[in-house]
Amino acid sequence: MLEIIRDSLTEIMVVGRSTDQDSDQVTVQDKMPVERILSALSDETLSATELMERLGLSHRPTFRKNYLNPALEQKLIERTIPDKPNSKNQKYRKHQNLKKEC
């Protein structure tokens, strides 16, 4: 009985595997959000709305959670008005230390 269960699980695991081609496509399409935001910023200073447009995103909470906050936490980007994170005039740019390295 245990052999039947083990064989069934082995079959499921083999069938469920993706091919190398499938995983390559996912990697290209789902580039890391932080990499995407850095690429979208280039050497410019942009608002959150402008960044979302460049990234093809429309849901602000998802943008903040997956893109903006991780990039800010990793100090890869910075706010132009750090004392007022919720300012309507807030914009973002690559962190100054990051610009020097590039």
C-alpha atoms as a PDB file:
ATOM      1  CA  MET A   1       0.000   0.000   0.000  1.00  0.00           C
ATOM      2  CA  LEU A   2       2.783   2.436   0.901  1.00  0.00           C
ATOM      3  CA  GLU A   3       4.531   1.669  -2.388  1.00  0.00           C
ATOM      4  CA  ILE A   4       1.402   2.636  -4.331  1.00  0.00           C
ATOM      5  CA  ILE A   5       1.166   5.945  -2.465  1.00  0.00           C
ATOM      6  CA  ARG A   6       4.892   6.623  -2.972  1.00  0.00           C
ATOM      7  CA  ASP A   7       4.655   5.827  -6.702  1.00  0.00           C
ATOM      8  CA  SER A   8       1.602   8.059  -7.056  1.00  0.00           C
ATOM      9  CA  LEU A   9       3.378  10.948  -5.334  1.00  0.00           C
ATOM     10  CA  THR A  10       6.434  10.454  -7.537  1.00  0.00           C
ATOM     11  CA  GLU A  11       4.262  10.640 -10.657  1.00  0.00           C
ATOM     12  CA  ILE A  12       2.586  13.807  -9.430  1.00  0.00           C
ATOM     13  CA  MET A  13       5.949  15.438  -8.733  1.00  0.00           C
ATOM     14  CA  VAL A  14       7.295  14.557 -12.186  1.00  0.00           C
ATOM     15  CA  VAL A  15       4.154  15.720 -13.997  1.00  0.00           C
ATOM     16  CA  GLY A  16       4.072  18.946 -11.977  1.00  0.00           C
ATOM     17  CA  ARG A  17       7.608  20.004 -12.947  1.00  0.00           C
ATOM     18  CA  SER A  18       7.992  22.814 -15.428  1.00  0.00           C
ATOM     19  CA  THR A  19      10.375  22.625 -18.329  1.00  0.00           C
ATOM     20  CA  ASP A  20      13.419  24.868 -18.535  1.00  0.00           C
ATOM     21  CA  GLN A  21      11.684  26.847 -21.252  1.00  0.00           C
ATOM     22  CA  ASP A  22       8.673  27.511 -19.010  1.00  0.00           C
ATOM     23  CA  SER A  23      10.827  28.710 -16.124  1.00  0.00           C
ATOM     24  CA  ASP A  24      12.860  30.974 -18.443  1.00  0.00           C
ATOM     25  CA  GLN A  25       9.684  32.645 -19.697  1.00  0.00           C
ATOM     26  CA  VAL A  26       8.465  33.274 -16.161  1.00  0.00           C
ATOM     27  CA  THR A  27      11.830  34.748 -15.174  1.00  0.00           C
ATOM     28  CA  VAL A  28      11.830  37.172 -18.096  1.00  0.00           C
ATOM     29  CA  GLN A  29       8.204  38.200 -17.640  1.00  0.00           C
ATOM     30  CA  ASP A  30       8.302  38.462 -13.849  1.00  0.00           C
ATOM     31  CA  LYS A  31      11.473  40.454 -13.399  1.00  0.00           C
ATOM     32  CA  MET A  32      12.051  41.358  -9.785  1.00  0.00           C
ATOM     33  CA  PRO A  33       9.927  44.378  -8.833  1.00  0.00           C
ATOM     34  CA  VAL A  34      12.886  46.277  -7.381  1.00  0.00           C
ATOM     35  CA  GLU A  35      14.882  45.773 -10.582  1.00  0.00           C
ATOM     36  CA  ARG A  36      11.897  46.955 -12.602  1.00  0.00           C
ATOM     37  CA  ILE A  37      11.465  50.141 -10.567  1.00  0.00           C
ATOM     38  CA  LEU A  38      15.179  50.960 -10.872  1.00  0.00           C
ATOM     39  CA  SER A  39      15.002  50.427 -14.609  1.00  0.00           C
ATOM     40  CA  ALA A  40      11.897  52.621 -14.887  1.00  0.00           C
ATOM     41  CA  LEU A  41      13.558  55.407 -12.892  1.00  0.00           C
ATOM     42  CA  SER A  42      16.704  55.446 -14.987  1.00  0.00           C
ATOM     43  CA  ASP A  43      18.397  58.725 -13.962  1.00  0.00           C
ATOM     44  CA  GLU A  44      15.146  60.651 -13.658  1.00  0.00           C
ATOM     45  CA  THR A  45      13.058  61.867 -10.738  1.00  0.00           C
ATOM     46  CA  LEU A  46       9.470  60.650 -11.009  1.00  0.00           C
ATOM     47  CA  SER A  47       6.249  60.710  -9.012  1.00  0.00           C
ATOM     48  CA  ALA A  48       4.575  57.486  -7.910  1.00  0.00           C
ATOM     49  CA  THR A  49       1.956  57.936 -10.637  1.00  0.00           C
ATOM     50  CA  GLU A  50       4.628  58.359 -13.312  1.00  0.00           C
ATOM     51  CA  LEU A  51       6.451  55.257 -12.062  1.00  0.00           C
ATOM     52  CA  MET A  52       3.245  53.237 -12.089  1.00  0.00           C
ATOM     53  CA  GLU A  53       2.556  54.313 -15.677  1.00  0.00           C
ATOM     54  CA  ARG A  54       6.044  53.275 -16.783  1.00  0.00           C
ATOM     55  CA  LEU A  55       5.647  49.915 -15.083  1.00  0.00           C
ATOM     56  CA  GLY A  56       2.178  49.367 -16.516  1.00  0.00           C
ATOM     57  CA  LEU A  57       0.579  49.191 -13.075  1.00  0.00           C
ATOM     58  CA  SER A  58      -2.717  50.670 -11.959  1.00  0.00           C
ATOM     59  CA  HIS A  59      -3.261  49.353  -8.421  1.00  0.00           C
ATOM     60  CA  ARG A  60      -1.513  51.733  -6.028  1.00  0.00           C
ATOM     61  CA  PRO A  61      -1.505  49.448  -2.932  1.00  0.00           C
ATOM     62  CA  THR A  62       0.181  46.651  -4.880  1.00  0.00           C
ATOM     63  CA  PHE A  63       2.696  49.117  -6.314  1.00  0.00           C
ATOM     64  CA  ARG A  64       3.563  50.384  -2.831  1.00  0.00           C
ATOM     65  CA  LYS A  65       3.787  46.916  -1.274  1.00  0.00           C
ATOM     66  CA  ASN A  66       5.739  45.130  -4.022  1.00  0.00           C
ATOM     67  CA  TYR A  67       7.778  47.892  -5.646  1.00  0.00           C
ATOM     68  CA  LEU A  68       8.071  51.180  -3.797  1.00  0.00           C
ATOM     69  CA  ASN A  69       8.445  50.090  -0.163  1.00  0.00           C
ATOM     70  CA  PRO A  70      11.015  47.329  -0.833  1.00  0.00           C
ATOM     71  CA  ALA A  71      13.139  49.710  -2.928  1.00  0.00           C
ATOM     72  CA  LEU A  72      12.953  52.374  -0.213  1.00  0.00           C
ATOM     73  CA  GLU A  73      13.776  49.858   2.546  1.00  0.00           C
ATOM     74  CA  GLN A  74      16.805  48.603   0.617  1.00  0.00           C
ATOM     75  CA  LYS A  75      17.870  52.245   0.152  1.00  0.00           C
ATOM     76  CA  LEU A  76      17.962  51.828  -3.617  1.00  0.00           C
ATOM     77  CA  ILE A  77      15.668  54.787  -4.154  1.00  0.00           C
ATOM     78  CA  GLU A  78      14.966  57.866  -2.073  1.00  0.00           C
ATOM     79  CA  ARG A  79      12.236  60.446  -1.645  1.00  0.00           C
ATOM     80  CA  THR A  80      12.822  63.987  -2.838  1.00  0.00           C
ATOM     81  CA  ILE A  81      10.950  65.252   0.243  1.00  0.00           C
ATOM     82  CA  PRO A  82      12.039  62.791   2.956  1.00  0.00           C
ATOM     83  CA  ASP A  83      10.396  64.738   5.802  1.00  0.00           C
ATOM     84  CA  LYS A  84       6.970  64.516   4.114  1.00  0.00           C
ATOM     85  CA  PRO A  85       6.504  61.008   2.718  1.00  0.00           C
ATOM     86  CA  ASN A  86       2.826  61.653   1.909  1.00  0.00           C
ATOM     87  CA  SER A  87       3.313  64.989   0.169  1.00  0.00           C
ATOM     88  CA  LYS A  88       1.400  65.413  -3.088  1.00  0.00           C
ATOM     89  CA  ASN A  89       4.660  66.722  -4.556  1.00  0.00           C
ATOM     90  CA  GLN A  90       6.643  63.652  -3.513  1.00  0.00           C
ATOM     91  CA  LYS A  91       8.926  62.176  -6.149  1.00  0.00           C
ATOM     92  CA  TYR A  92      11.458  59.380  -6.193  1.00  0.00           C
ATOM     93  CA  ARG A  93      14.957  58.991  -7.584  1.00  0.00           C
ATOM     94  CA  LYS A  94      17.748  56.477  -7.371  1.00  0.00           C
ATOM     95  CA  HIS A  95      19.608  56.788  -4.099  1.00  0.00           C
ATOM     96  CA  GLN A  96      22.611  59.108  -4.369  1.00  0.00           C
ATOM     97  CA  ASN A  97      25.059  56.336  -3.377  1.00  0.00           C
ATOM     98  CA  LEU A  98      23.611  54.087  -6.052  1.00  0.00           C
ATOM     99  CA  LYS A  99      24.083  56.754  -8.724  1.00  0.00           C
ATOM    100  CA  LYS A 100      27.780  57.075  -7.847  1.00  0.00           C
ATOM    101  CA  GLU A 101      28.317  53.326  -8.266  1.00  0.00           C
ATOM    102  CA  CYS A 102      26.717  53.203 -11.721  1.00  0.00           C
END
